C-alpha cells in the first residue's frame, strides 16, 4: 500500500492554525505560515488571531521579545495573512519611531490619581 504524498502535503499545510478545544491545551503562539508552508518571520498565530513578535527595549538597557496583537484599520483583529503582513510593517515602523506602547505594568488608578491632580493643567480647572 503506497501513501499519497500530495495528500500528506495538504494535511501538513492545513494545520497552520490548530484548534485546541481541550482545557489541557490552551491556545499557543504558533509561527504563521504562508501558502507554501514557509514560516513568516515575526508573525505568530494564536486562537485565529495574528500577533507580531518584535524585540523591544525593556528599560534596563536590555532587549526582549514581545508579542503585540495586530489590528486592521477599523481596529478589528487581523485574521488574514496579507493584512497581517501589512500590520506587521506598521508595528515595525512604530518601533523605529518609538511609538509602541510602553512595556511593563501600568500604574494603578489610585496611584495615578495623585500624579494627575498634581499637574498644573488640572489645577487650573
N, C-alpha and C. Protein backbone atom coordinates (compact mmCIF):
# COMPACT_ATOMS: atom_id res chain seq x y z
N UNK A 1 0.83 -1.17 0.00
CA UNK A 1 0.00 0.00 0.00
C UNK A 1 0.88 1.24 0.00
N UNK A 2 0.70 2.11 -1.00
CA UNK A 2 1.51 3.31 -1.10
C UNK A 2 0.72 4.50 -0.58
N UNK A 3 1.46 5.41 0.05
CA UNK A 3 0.80 6.62 0.55
C UNK A 3 0.83 7.70 -0.53
N UNK A 4 -0.13 8.56 -0.49
CA UNK A 4 -0.23 9.64 -1.46
C UNK A 4 0.52 10.86 -0.92
N UNK A 5 1.68 11.24 -1.51
CA UNK A 5 2.46 12.36 -0.97
C UNK A 5 1.73 13.70 -1.09
N UNK A 6 0.88 13.88 -2.10
CA UNK A 6 0.15 15.14 -2.23
C UNK A 6 -0.84 15.30 -1.08
N UNK A 7 -1.53 14.24 -0.73
CA UNK A 7 -2.48 14.32 0.38
C UNK A 7 -1.74 14.61 1.68
N UNK A 8 -0.57 14.02 1.84
CA UNK A 8 0.23 14.25 3.04
C UNK A 8 0.66 15.70 3.11
N UNK A 9 1.05 16.26 1.97
CA UNK A 9 1.49 17.65 1.91
C UNK A 9 0.34 18.60 2.25
N UNK A 10 -0.85 18.30 1.79
CA UNK A 10 -2.00 19.15 2.07
C UNK A 10 -2.35 19.14 3.55
N UNK A 11 -2.25 17.99 4.18
CA UNK A 11 -2.60 17.94 5.60
C UNK A 11 -1.58 18.71 6.43
N UNK A 12 -0.33 18.72 6.04
CA UNK A 12 0.66 19.49 6.79
C UNK A 12 0.39 20.98 6.69
N UNK A 13 0.04 21.48 5.50
CA UNK A 13 -0.21 22.91 5.36
C UNK A 13 -1.54 23.30 5.97
N UNK A 14 -2.47 22.36 6.06
CA UNK A 14 -3.78 22.67 6.61
C UNK A 14 -3.73 22.83 8.13
N UNK A 15 -2.68 22.38 8.76
CA UNK A 15 -2.61 22.51 10.21
C UNK A 15 -1.86 23.76 10.64
N UNK A 16 -1.94 24.82 9.85
CA UNK A 16 -1.30 26.08 10.22
C UNK A 16 -1.95 26.69 11.45
N UNK A 17 -3.27 26.51 11.59
CA UNK A 17 -3.97 27.04 12.74
C UNK A 17 -4.71 25.90 13.45
N UNK A 18 -4.04 25.20 14.38
CA UNK A 18 -4.72 24.09 15.05
C UNK A 18 -5.81 24.60 15.98
N UNK A 19 -6.78 23.76 16.21
CA UNK A 19 -7.91 24.11 17.05
C UNK A 19 -7.86 23.25 18.30
N UNK A 20 -7.37 23.81 19.41
CA UNK A 20 -7.31 23.09 20.66
C UNK A 20 -8.57 23.42 21.45
N UNK A 21 -9.46 22.46 21.58
CA UNK A 21 -10.69 22.70 22.31
C UNK A 21 -10.59 22.26 23.76
N UNK A 22 -9.59 21.51 24.11
CA UNK A 22 -9.45 20.99 25.46
C UNK A 22 -8.86 22.06 26.38
N UNK A 23 -9.28 22.02 27.64
CA UNK A 23 -8.73 22.97 28.60
C UNK A 23 -7.30 22.61 28.98
N UNK A 24 -6.86 21.39 28.67
CA UNK A 24 -5.50 20.99 28.97
C UNK A 24 -4.50 21.59 27.99
N UNK A 25 -4.98 22.04 26.84
CA UNK A 25 -4.11 22.60 25.83
C UNK A 25 -4.58 24.01 25.49
N UNK A 26 -4.13 25.01 26.24
CA UNK A 26 -4.57 26.37 25.93
C UNK A 26 -3.98 26.83 24.60
N UNK A 27 -4.51 27.93 24.10
CA UNK A 27 -4.03 28.46 22.83
C UNK A 27 -2.55 28.80 22.94
N UNK A 28 -1.79 28.42 21.94
CA UNK A 28 -0.35 28.65 21.93
C UNK A 28 0.00 29.56 20.77
N UNK A 29 1.11 30.28 20.91
CA UNK A 29 1.61 31.09 19.80
C UNK A 29 2.32 30.16 18.83
N UNK A 30 1.79 30.05 17.63
CA UNK A 30 2.33 29.17 16.61
C UNK A 30 2.86 30.03 15.48
N UNK A 31 4.07 29.77 14.98
CA UNK A 31 4.58 30.58 13.87
C UNK A 31 3.63 30.53 12.68
N UNK A 32 3.36 31.70 12.10
CA UNK A 32 2.47 31.79 10.94
C UNK A 32 3.18 31.23 9.71
N UNK A 33 2.41 30.63 8.84
CA UNK A 33 2.96 30.04 7.61
C UNK A 33 2.19 30.55 6.42
N UNK A 34 2.92 30.70 5.30
CA UNK A 34 2.28 31.17 4.07
C UNK A 34 1.69 30.00 3.30
N UNK A 35 1.25 30.26 2.07
CA UNK A 35 0.58 29.22 1.29
C UNK A 35 1.53 28.09 0.89
N UNK A 36 2.83 28.37 0.91
CA UNK A 36 3.81 27.33 0.58
C UNK A 36 4.39 26.68 1.83
N UNK A 37 3.71 26.89 2.96
CA UNK A 37 4.07 26.28 4.24
C UNK A 37 5.44 26.74 4.75
N UNK A 38 5.82 27.97 4.41
CA UNK A 38 7.06 28.54 4.92
C UNK A 38 6.72 29.50 6.05
N UNK A 39 7.57 29.57 7.05
CA UNK A 39 7.34 30.48 8.16
C UNK A 39 7.45 31.93 7.70
N UNK A 40 6.60 32.77 8.27
CA UNK A 40 6.64 34.20 8.00
C UNK A 40 7.35 34.83 9.20
N UNK A 41 8.52 35.44 9.00
CA UNK A 41 9.29 35.97 10.13
C UNK A 41 8.51 37.04 10.89
N UNK A 42 8.48 36.90 12.20
CA UNK A 42 7.87 37.91 13.05
C UNK A 42 6.38 37.78 13.24
N UNK A 43 5.74 36.79 12.61
CA UNK A 43 4.29 36.63 12.74
C UNK A 43 3.97 35.32 13.46
N UNK A 44 3.03 35.41 14.38
CA UNK A 44 2.56 34.23 15.11
C UNK A 44 1.04 34.23 15.11
N UNK A 45 0.46 33.04 15.24
CA UNK A 45 -0.99 32.87 15.27
C UNK A 45 -1.37 32.27 16.62
N UNK A 46 -2.43 32.80 17.20
CA UNK A 46 -2.96 32.25 18.44
C UNK A 46 -4.47 32.45 18.43
N UNK A 47 -5.20 31.37 18.52
CA UNK A 47 -6.66 31.38 18.54
C UNK A 47 -7.23 32.11 17.33
N UNK A 48 -6.62 31.94 16.17
CA UNK A 48 -7.13 32.54 14.94
C UNK A 48 -6.73 33.98 14.72
N UNK A 49 -5.99 34.58 15.66
CA UNK A 49 -5.56 35.98 15.52
C UNK A 49 -4.07 36.02 15.27
N UNK A 50 -3.62 37.07 14.60
CA UNK A 50 -2.20 37.23 14.30
C UNK A 50 -1.55 38.18 15.31
N UNK A 51 -0.30 37.85 15.66
CA UNK A 51 0.49 38.65 16.59
C UNK A 51 1.85 38.91 15.96
N UNK A 52 2.40 40.10 16.22
CA UNK A 52 3.74 40.44 15.76
C UNK A 52 4.70 40.23 16.92
N UNK A 53 5.82 39.58 16.66
CA UNK A 53 6.84 39.44 17.68
C UNK A 53 7.98 40.37 17.32
N UNK A 54 8.22 41.34 18.20
CA UNK A 54 9.27 42.34 17.98
C UNK A 54 10.19 42.37 19.19
N UNK A 55 11.46 42.67 18.94
CA UNK A 55 12.41 42.85 20.02
C UNK A 55 12.36 44.31 20.43
N UNK A 56 12.03 44.56 21.70
CA UNK A 56 11.91 45.93 22.20
C UNK A 56 12.77 46.10 23.44
N UNK A 57 13.14 47.35 23.71
CA UNK A 57 13.93 47.68 24.89
C UNK A 57 13.02 47.60 26.11
N UNK A 58 13.43 46.85 27.13
CA UNK A 58 12.60 46.68 28.32
C UNK A 58 12.89 47.72 29.39
N UNK A 59 13.78 48.65 29.12
CA UNK A 59 14.00 49.75 30.04
C UNK A 59 15.31 49.69 30.80
N UNK A 60 15.92 48.55 30.94
CA UNK A 60 17.18 48.46 31.68
C UNK A 60 18.37 48.26 30.74
N UNK A 61 18.22 48.69 29.50
CA UNK A 61 19.29 48.55 28.53
C UNK A 61 19.30 47.22 27.81
N UNK A 62 18.40 46.34 28.16
CA UNK A 62 18.32 45.03 27.51
C UNK A 62 17.10 44.99 26.62
N UNK A 63 17.15 44.11 25.64
CA UNK A 63 16.02 43.92 24.73
C UNK A 63 15.44 42.53 24.96
N UNK A 64 14.13 42.45 24.77
CA UNK A 64 13.44 41.17 24.94
C UNK A 64 12.33 41.07 23.90
N UNK A 65 11.99 39.86 23.50
CA UNK A 65 10.89 39.72 22.53
C UNK A 65 9.54 39.96 23.19
N UNK A 66 8.70 40.70 22.51
CA UNK A 66 7.34 40.97 22.97
C UNK A 66 6.39 40.72 21.82
N UNK A 67 5.20 40.22 22.13
CA UNK A 67 4.20 39.96 21.09
C UNK A 67 3.09 40.99 21.22
N UNK A 68 2.74 41.59 20.08
CA UNK A 68 1.71 42.61 20.01
C UNK A 68 0.57 42.10 19.14
N UNK A 69 -0.67 42.23 19.58
CA UNK A 69 -1.79 41.83 18.71
C UNK A 69 -1.91 42.78 17.53
N UNK A 70 -2.14 42.23 16.35
CA UNK A 70 -2.25 43.05 15.15
C UNK A 70 -3.71 43.40 14.90
N UNK A 71 -3.93 44.66 14.56
CA UNK A 71 -5.29 45.15 14.30
C UNK A 71 -5.33 45.81 12.94
N UNK A 72 -6.49 45.70 12.28
CA UNK A 72 -6.70 46.33 10.98
C UNK A 72 -7.04 47.80 11.19
N UNK A 73 -7.27 48.51 10.10
CA UNK A 73 -7.58 49.93 10.16
C UNK A 73 -8.84 50.25 10.93
N UNK A 74 -9.81 49.33 10.95
CA UNK A 74 -11.05 49.57 11.68
C UNK A 74 -10.98 49.04 13.11
N UNK A 75 -9.76 48.82 13.61
CA UNK A 75 -9.49 48.38 14.98
C UNK A 75 -10.06 46.99 15.27
N UNK A 76 -10.24 46.19 14.24
CA UNK A 76 -10.66 44.80 14.39
C UNK A 76 -9.44 43.90 14.31
N UNK A 77 -9.45 42.75 14.96
CA UNK A 77 -8.30 41.84 14.89
C UNK A 77 -8.05 41.37 13.46
N UNK A 78 -6.78 41.29 13.10
CA UNK A 78 -6.41 40.82 11.76
C UNK A 78 -6.54 39.31 11.73
N UNK A 79 -7.21 38.79 10.69
CA UNK A 79 -7.40 37.35 10.57
C UNK A 79 -6.94 36.81 9.22
N UNK A 80 -6.31 37.65 8.37
CA UNK A 80 -5.80 37.20 7.07
C UNK A 80 -4.31 37.48 7.00
N UNK A 81 -3.58 36.60 6.32
CA UNK A 81 -2.12 36.71 6.27
C UNK A 81 -1.67 37.98 5.57
N UNK A 82 -2.31 38.36 4.47
CA UNK A 82 -1.90 39.57 3.74
C UNK A 82 -2.06 40.81 4.61
N UNK A 83 -3.18 40.90 5.32
CA UNK A 83 -3.39 42.04 6.22
C UNK A 83 -2.43 42.00 7.40
N UNK A 84 -2.09 40.80 7.85
CA UNK A 84 -1.16 40.66 8.97
C UNK A 84 0.23 41.16 8.58
N UNK A 85 0.65 40.89 7.35
CA UNK A 85 1.96 41.37 6.90
C UNK A 85 1.99 42.90 6.86
N UNK A 86 0.91 43.51 6.40
CA UNK A 86 0.84 44.98 6.37
C UNK A 86 0.87 45.54 7.78
N UNK A 87 0.10 44.94 8.68
CA UNK A 87 0.06 45.42 10.06
C UNK A 87 1.40 45.22 10.75
N UNK A 88 2.13 44.16 10.38
CA UNK A 88 3.46 43.93 10.94
C UNK A 88 4.41 45.04 10.54
N UNK A 89 4.35 45.47 9.29
CA UNK A 89 5.21 46.57 8.85
C UNK A 89 4.87 47.86 9.58
N UNK A 90 3.59 48.08 9.86
CA UNK A 90 3.18 49.27 10.61
C UNK A 90 3.76 49.21 12.02
N UNK A 91 3.70 48.04 12.67
CA UNK A 91 4.27 47.89 14.01
C UNK A 91 5.78 48.10 14.00
N UNK A 92 6.45 47.60 12.97
CA UNK A 92 7.90 47.80 12.87
C UNK A 92 8.23 49.28 12.71
N UNK A 93 7.40 50.00 11.94
CA UNK A 93 7.61 51.44 11.77
C UNK A 93 7.39 52.16 13.10
N UNK A 94 6.36 51.77 13.84
CA UNK A 94 6.11 52.37 15.15
C UNK A 94 7.28 52.11 16.10
N UNK A 95 7.89 50.93 16.01
CA UNK A 95 9.04 50.64 16.86
C UNK A 95 10.21 51.54 16.50
N UNK A 96 10.44 51.75 15.20
CA UNK A 96 11.54 52.63 14.78
C UNK A 96 11.32 54.06 15.25
N UNK A 97 10.07 54.49 15.29
CA UNK A 97 9.73 55.86 15.70
C UNK A 97 9.48 55.97 17.21
N UNK A 98 9.72 54.90 17.95
CA UNK A 98 9.49 54.85 19.40
C UNK A 98 8.06 55.20 19.77
N UNK A 99 7.09 54.68 19.02
CA UNK A 99 5.68 54.95 19.28
C UNK A 99 4.93 53.71 19.77
N UNK A 100 5.64 52.64 20.08
CA UNK A 100 4.98 51.44 20.58
C UNK A 100 4.49 51.68 22.01
N UNK A 101 3.49 50.93 22.41
CA UNK A 101 3.00 51.02 23.78
C UNK A 101 4.12 50.62 24.73
N UNK A 102 4.20 51.29 25.86
CA UNK A 102 5.27 51.01 26.80
C UNK A 102 5.11 49.60 27.36
N UNK A 103 6.24 48.97 27.59
CA UNK A 103 6.22 47.61 28.13
C UNK A 103 6.19 47.69 29.65
N UNK A 104 5.78 46.64 30.27
CA UNK A 104 5.74 46.59 31.73
C UNK A 104 4.35 46.88 32.25
N UNK A 105 4.26 46.96 33.54
CA UNK A 105 2.96 47.17 34.17
C UNK A 105 2.60 48.65 34.20
N UNK A 106 1.34 48.92 34.04
CA UNK A 106 0.83 50.28 34.10
C UNK A 106 0.49 50.60 35.56
N UNK A 107 0.53 51.88 35.96
CA UNK A 107 0.22 52.19 37.36
C UNK A 107 -1.26 51.96 37.66
N UNK A 108 -1.54 51.67 38.90
CA UNK A 108 -2.92 51.53 39.33
C UNK A 108 -3.61 52.88 39.27
N UNK A 109 -4.92 52.87 39.14
CA UNK A 109 -5.67 54.12 39.02
C UNK A 109 -5.50 54.97 40.28
N UNK A 110 -5.51 54.35 41.44
CA UNK A 110 -5.35 55.11 42.69
C UNK A 110 -3.99 55.80 42.75
N UNK A 111 -2.95 55.12 42.25
CA UNK A 111 -1.62 55.73 42.23
C UNK A 111 -1.55 56.86 41.23
N UNK A 112 -2.23 56.70 40.10
CA UNK A 112 -2.17 57.72 39.07
C UNK A 112 -2.98 58.95 39.45
N UNK A 113 -4.01 58.80 40.27
CA UNK A 113 -4.84 59.95 40.67
C UNK A 113 -4.01 61.03 41.33
N UNK A 114 -3.10 60.64 42.22
CA UNK A 114 -2.26 61.62 42.91
C UNK A 114 -1.40 62.38 41.91
N UNK A 115 -0.83 61.68 40.94
CA UNK A 115 0.00 62.32 39.92
C UNK A 115 -0.85 63.23 39.05
N UNK A 116 -2.05 62.79 38.72
CA UNK A 116 -2.93 63.55 37.83
C UNK A 116 -3.33 64.88 38.46
N UNK A 117 -3.71 64.86 39.73
CA UNK A 117 -4.18 66.08 40.37
C UNK A 117 -3.04 67.06 40.68
N UNK A 118 -1.79 66.60 40.63
CA UNK A 118 -0.66 67.49 40.84
C UNK A 118 -0.28 68.25 39.58
N UNK A 119 -0.77 67.85 38.43
CA UNK A 119 -0.43 68.52 37.18
C UNK A 119 -0.98 69.93 37.17
N UNK A 120 -0.20 70.86 36.63
CA UNK A 120 -0.58 72.27 36.62
C UNK A 120 -1.84 72.49 35.78
N UNK A 121 -1.97 71.77 34.69
CA UNK A 121 -3.13 71.95 33.81
C UNK A 121 -4.42 71.59 34.54
N UNK A 122 -4.38 70.56 35.37
CA UNK A 122 -5.56 70.13 36.10
C UNK A 122 -5.88 71.10 37.23
N UNK A 123 -4.85 71.66 37.86
CA UNK A 123 -5.07 72.58 38.97
C UNK A 123 -5.71 73.87 38.52
N UNK A 124 -5.51 74.25 37.25
CA UNK A 124 -6.11 75.49 36.73
C UNK A 124 -7.59 75.33 36.42
N UNK A 125 -8.09 74.10 36.39
CA UNK A 125 -9.51 73.87 36.04
C UNK A 125 -10.43 74.29 37.16
